[in-house]
Amino acid sequence: MFDIEFNADGQVEIRGRLDAANAENALLFLNQVAGQCVIDMGQLEYISSAGLGVLLRTHKRLMGEGSGIKLVRVSPHINDIFSYSGFDKLFEIEAMDPSG
């Protein structure tokens, strides 16, 4: 399962698995975003290298426009992936509140 949309707060919400099968759809959606992009990852179960590539391409595009990506509600598992890949140094990341 994969879904990406704007939530009620105007943030991009990603749910399910962001992997090679869903990377193109995610990139097409994120290409519509202009200005600072906040991505709610509270319901993201998995991210592959293809998913990381989508985030990196979007971040580079937005940085060229003077903004970037902020990731919020990042689970410990997904945060570990960002740490292992060095992406924790690229993005502003807010960990998920342990209470949910």
N, C-alpha and C. Protein backbone atom coordinates (compact mmCIF):
# COMPACT_ATOMS: atom_id res chain seq x y z
N MET A 1 0.82 -1.18 0.00
CA MET A 1 0.00 0.00 0.00
C MET A 1 0.88 1.25 0.00
N PHE A 2 0.43 2.26 -0.72
CA PHE A 2 1.13 3.55 -0.75
C PHE A 2 0.12 4.63 -1.05
N ASP A 3 0.26 5.75 -0.33
CA ASP A 3 -0.59 6.90 -0.61
C ASP A 3 0.20 8.16 -0.27
N ILE A 4 0.01 9.18 -1.07
CA ILE A 4 0.63 10.47 -0.81
C ILE A 4 -0.40 11.55 -1.14
N GLU A 5 -0.58 12.48 -0.21
CA GLU A 5 -1.56 13.55 -0.40
C GLU A 5 -1.26 14.68 0.58
N PHE A 6 -1.96 15.79 0.40
CA PHE A 6 -1.87 16.87 1.36
C PHE A 6 -2.85 16.58 2.49
N ASN A 7 -2.40 16.77 3.75
CA ASN A 7 -3.31 16.57 4.87
C ASN A 7 -4.00 17.89 5.21
N ALA A 8 -4.82 17.88 6.24
CA ALA A 8 -5.60 19.06 6.62
C ALA A 8 -4.73 20.24 7.03
N ASP A 9 -3.49 19.96 7.46
CA ASP A 9 -2.56 21.03 7.86
C ASP A 9 -1.75 21.57 6.68
N GLY A 10 -1.99 21.05 5.47
CA GLY A 10 -1.24 21.49 4.30
C GLY A 10 0.11 20.82 4.15
N GLN A 11 0.37 19.82 4.99
CA GLN A 11 1.61 19.06 4.89
C GLN A 11 1.41 17.91 3.91
N VAL A 12 2.50 17.45 3.33
CA VAL A 12 2.46 16.25 2.51
C VAL A 12 2.46 15.06 3.47
N GLU A 13 1.52 14.16 3.30
CA GLU A 13 1.46 12.97 4.14
C GLU A 13 1.74 11.75 3.28
N ILE A 14 2.69 10.95 3.74
CA ILE A 14 3.06 9.73 3.02
C ILE A 14 2.69 8.55 3.90
N ARG A 15 1.97 7.58 3.33
CA ARG A 15 1.56 6.39 4.06
C ARG A 15 1.98 5.14 3.28
N GLY A 16 2.37 4.12 4.03
CA GLY A 16 2.70 2.84 3.42
C GLY A 16 4.17 2.69 3.12
N ARG A 17 4.45 2.20 1.92
CA ARG A 17 5.81 1.87 1.51
C ARG A 17 6.25 2.77 0.35
N LEU A 18 7.30 3.53 0.58
CA LEU A 18 7.87 4.35 -0.50
C LEU A 18 9.07 3.60 -1.05
N ASP A 19 8.80 2.80 -2.08
CA ASP A 19 9.83 1.96 -2.68
C ASP A 19 9.86 2.18 -4.19
N ALA A 20 10.61 1.36 -4.89
CA ALA A 20 10.78 1.55 -6.34
C ALA A 20 9.44 1.51 -7.08
N ALA A 21 8.51 0.70 -6.60
CA ALA A 21 7.22 0.59 -7.27
C ALA A 21 6.40 1.88 -7.16
N ASN A 22 6.66 2.68 -6.13
CA ASN A 22 5.88 3.89 -5.88
C ASN A 22 6.67 5.18 -6.08
N ALA A 23 7.94 5.07 -6.38
CA ALA A 23 8.81 6.25 -6.45
C ALA A 23 8.35 7.24 -7.52
N GLU A 24 7.96 6.76 -8.68
CA GLU A 24 7.56 7.67 -9.76
C GLU A 24 6.31 8.46 -9.37
N ASN A 25 5.32 7.78 -8.78
CA ASN A 25 4.11 8.48 -8.35
C ASN A 25 4.43 9.53 -7.28
N ALA A 26 5.31 9.18 -6.35
CA ALA A 26 5.69 10.12 -5.30
C ALA A 26 6.39 11.33 -5.90
N LEU A 27 7.29 11.10 -6.85
CA LEU A 27 8.00 12.21 -7.47
C LEU A 27 7.05 13.11 -8.24
N LEU A 28 6.12 12.53 -8.97
CA LEU A 28 5.14 13.33 -9.71
C LEU A 28 4.33 14.21 -8.75
N PHE A 29 3.94 13.66 -7.61
CA PHE A 29 3.19 14.44 -6.63
C PHE A 29 4.08 15.55 -6.05
N LEU A 30 5.30 15.20 -5.64
CA LEU A 30 6.18 16.18 -5.00
C LEU A 30 6.65 17.26 -5.97
N ASN A 31 6.64 16.98 -7.27
CA ASN A 31 7.00 18.00 -8.25
C ASN A 31 6.00 19.15 -8.28
N GLN A 32 4.81 18.94 -7.72
CA GLN A 32 3.80 19.99 -7.64
C GLN A 32 4.03 20.95 -6.47
N VAL A 33 4.90 20.55 -5.54
CA VAL A 33 5.11 21.33 -4.33
C VAL A 33 6.10 22.46 -4.61
N ALA A 34 5.74 23.65 -4.14
CA ALA A 34 6.65 24.81 -4.24
C ALA A 34 6.82 25.38 -2.84
N GLY A 35 7.96 25.97 -2.58
CA GLY A 35 8.21 26.55 -1.26
C GLY A 35 8.59 25.47 -0.27
N GLN A 36 8.63 25.86 1.00
CA GLN A 36 9.00 24.92 2.06
C GLN A 36 8.03 23.75 2.07
N CYS A 37 8.57 22.55 2.10
CA CYS A 37 7.76 21.32 2.07
C CYS A 37 7.93 20.59 3.39
N VAL A 38 6.81 20.40 4.10
CA VAL A 38 6.81 19.61 5.32
C VAL A 38 6.16 18.28 4.98
N ILE A 39 6.88 17.19 5.27
CA ILE A 39 6.37 15.85 4.97
C ILE A 39 6.12 15.11 6.27
N ASP A 40 4.88 14.72 6.49
CA ASP A 40 4.47 13.93 7.65
C ASP A 40 4.71 12.46 7.32
N MET A 41 5.63 11.83 8.07
CA MET A 41 5.99 10.44 7.81
C MET A 41 5.47 9.51 8.91
N GLY A 42 4.49 9.97 9.66
CA GLY A 42 3.97 9.19 10.77
C GLY A 42 3.40 7.84 10.39
N GLN A 43 2.96 7.70 9.15
CA GLN A 43 2.39 6.43 8.70
C GLN A 43 3.23 5.76 7.61
N LEU A 44 4.48 6.23 7.46
CA LEU A 44 5.39 5.59 6.50
C LEU A 44 5.96 4.33 7.14
N GLU A 45 5.77 3.21 6.49
CA GLU A 45 6.21 1.92 7.02
C GLU A 45 7.62 1.56 6.57
N TYR A 46 7.98 1.99 5.36
CA TYR A 46 9.24 1.56 4.76
C TYR A 46 9.65 2.58 3.71
N ILE A 47 10.96 2.79 3.58
CA ILE A 47 11.49 3.62 2.50
C ILE A 47 12.73 2.93 1.94
N SER A 48 12.78 2.78 0.62
CA SER A 48 13.91 2.14 -0.05
C SER A 48 14.86 3.21 -0.57
N SER A 49 15.92 2.76 -1.21
CA SER A 49 16.86 3.71 -1.81
C SER A 49 16.17 4.52 -2.90
N ALA A 50 15.20 3.93 -3.59
CA ALA A 50 14.45 4.68 -4.60
C ALA A 50 13.64 5.79 -3.94
N GLY A 51 13.04 5.50 -2.79
CA GLY A 51 12.31 6.51 -2.03
C GLY A 51 13.21 7.61 -1.53
N LEU A 52 14.40 7.23 -1.06
CA LEU A 52 15.38 8.24 -0.63
C LEU A 52 15.75 9.13 -1.80
N GLY A 53 15.89 8.53 -2.99
CA GLY A 53 16.21 9.31 -4.18
C GLY A 53 15.13 10.33 -4.52
N VAL A 54 13.87 9.96 -4.32
CA VAL A 54 12.76 10.90 -4.55
C VAL A 54 12.88 12.09 -3.62
N LEU A 55 13.14 11.81 -2.34
CA LEU A 55 13.28 12.90 -1.37
C LEU A 55 14.47 13.79 -1.71
N LEU A 56 15.58 13.18 -2.11
CA LEU A 56 16.78 13.94 -2.45
C LEU A 56 16.54 14.83 -3.67
N ARG A 57 15.92 14.30 -4.70
CA ARG A 57 15.64 15.10 -5.91
C ARG A 57 14.72 16.27 -5.59
N THR A 58 13.71 16.00 -4.78
CA THR A 58 12.77 17.06 -4.41
C THR A 58 13.48 18.11 -3.56
N HIS A 59 14.29 17.67 -2.62
CA HIS A 59 15.02 18.60 -1.75
C HIS A 59 15.96 19.49 -2.57
N LYS A 60 16.69 18.89 -3.50
CA LYS A 60 17.61 19.67 -4.34
C LYS A 60 16.85 20.71 -5.16
N ARG A 61 15.70 20.32 -5.72
CA ARG A 61 14.89 21.26 -6.50
C ARG A 61 14.42 22.41 -5.62
N LEU A 62 13.92 22.08 -4.44
CA LEU A 62 13.42 23.12 -3.55
C LEU A 62 14.54 23.99 -3.00
N MET A 63 15.71 23.41 -2.75
CA MET A 63 16.86 24.21 -2.29
C MET A 63 17.24 25.23 -3.36
N GLY A 64 17.13 24.86 -4.61
CA GLY A 64 17.40 25.78 -5.71
C GLY A 64 16.43 26.94 -5.74
N GLU A 65 15.26 26.75 -5.13
CA GLU A 65 14.25 27.80 -5.05
C GLU A 65 14.31 28.53 -3.71
N GLY A 66 15.29 28.17 -2.87
CA GLY A 66 15.46 28.86 -1.60
C GLY A 66 14.72 28.26 -0.42
N SER A 67 14.25 27.02 -0.55
CA SER A 67 13.56 26.38 0.56
C SER A 67 14.10 24.96 0.73
N GLY A 68 13.27 24.01 1.05
CA GLY A 68 13.73 22.63 1.22
C GLY A 68 12.64 21.77 1.83
N ILE A 69 13.07 20.64 2.39
CA ILE A 69 12.15 19.67 2.98
C ILE A 69 12.40 19.57 4.48
N LYS A 70 11.31 19.50 5.22
CA LYS A 70 11.35 19.18 6.65
C LYS A 70 10.51 17.92 6.84
N LEU A 71 11.07 16.94 7.53
CA LEU A 71 10.38 15.68 7.78
C LEU A 71 9.89 15.66 9.23
N VAL A 72 8.61 15.36 9.42
CA VAL A 72 8.04 15.34 10.76
C VAL A 72 7.41 13.98 11.05
N ARG A 73 7.25 13.70 12.35
CA ARG A 73 6.68 12.44 12.83
C ARG A 73 7.40 11.23 12.23
N VAL A 74 8.73 11.29 12.25
CA VAL A 74 9.56 10.22 11.69
C VAL A 74 9.73 9.14 12.75
N SER A 75 9.35 7.91 12.41
CA SER A 75 9.46 6.79 13.35
C SER A 75 10.93 6.45 13.60
N PRO A 76 11.21 5.78 14.73
CA PRO A 76 12.60 5.38 14.99
C PRO A 76 13.20 4.54 13.87
N HIS A 77 12.43 3.61 13.31
CA HIS A 77 12.93 2.75 12.23
C HIS A 77 13.32 3.58 11.00
N ILE A 78 12.44 4.48 10.58
CA ILE A 78 12.72 5.32 9.41
C ILE A 78 13.87 6.28 9.72
N ASN A 79 13.91 6.78 10.94
CA ASN A 79 15.00 7.67 11.35
C ASN A 79 16.34 6.95 11.27
N ASP A 80 16.37 5.67 11.64
CA ASP A 80 17.60 4.88 11.53
C ASP A 80 18.06 4.81 10.07
N ILE A 81 17.13 4.64 9.16
CA ILE A 81 17.49 4.58 7.73
C ILE A 81 18.12 5.91 7.30
N PHE A 82 17.54 7.03 7.75
CA PHE A 82 18.12 8.33 7.42
C PHE A 82 19.51 8.46 8.02
N SER A 83 19.70 7.98 9.23
CA SER A 83 21.01 8.07 9.88
C SER A 83 22.05 7.22 9.15
N TYR A 84 21.70 5.97 8.84
CA TYR A 84 22.63 5.07 8.16
C TYR A 84 23.03 5.59 6.79
N SER A 85 22.11 6.26 6.11
CA SER A 85 22.38 6.74 4.75
C SER A 85 23.02 8.13 4.74
N GLY A 86 23.08 8.79 5.91
CA GLY A 86 23.63 10.14 5.98
C GLY A 86 22.61 11.21 5.63
N PHE A 87 21.38 10.81 5.34
CA PHE A 87 20.35 11.78 4.97
C PHE A 87 19.91 12.62 6.16
N ASP A 88 20.24 12.18 7.37
CA ASP A 88 19.89 12.98 8.56
C ASP A 88 20.66 14.30 8.57
N LYS A 89 21.70 14.39 7.76
CA LYS A 89 22.48 15.63 7.67
C LYS A 89 21.92 16.56 6.58
N LEU A 90 21.05 16.04 5.73
CA LEU A 90 20.47 16.82 4.64
C LEU A 90 19.15 17.49 5.03
N PHE A 91 18.35 16.77 5.78
CA PHE A 91 16.99 17.23 6.10
C PHE A 91 16.87 17.64 7.55
N GLU A 92 15.95 18.57 7.80
CA GLU A 92 15.53 18.84 9.16
C GLU A 92 14.53 17.74 9.51
N ILE A 93 14.81 17.02 10.61
CA ILE A 93 13.98 15.86 10.98
C ILE A 93 13.47 16.02 12.39
N GLU A 94 12.15 15.83 12.54
CA GLU A 94 11.52 15.78 13.85
C GLU A 94 11.05 14.36 14.08
N ALA A 95 11.54 13.74 15.15
CA ALA A 95 11.16 12.36 15.47
C ALA A 95 9.71 12.31 15.92
N MET A 96 9.13 11.15 15.77
CA MET A 96 7.75 10.92 16.19
C MET A 96 7.68 10.99 17.72
N ASP A 97 6.63 11.60 18.21
CA ASP A 97 6.37 11.65 19.65
C ASP A 97 6.10 10.20 20.09
N PRO A 98 6.85 9.71 21.10
CA PRO A 98 6.67 8.31 21.53
C PRO A 98 5.23 7.96 21.90
N SER A 99 4.43 8.95 22.27
CA SER A 99 3.04 8.66 22.65
C SER A 99 2.14 8.50 21.43
N GLY A 100 2.73 8.67 20.23
CA GLY A 100 1.93 8.44 19.03
C GLY A 100 1.78 9.66 18.23
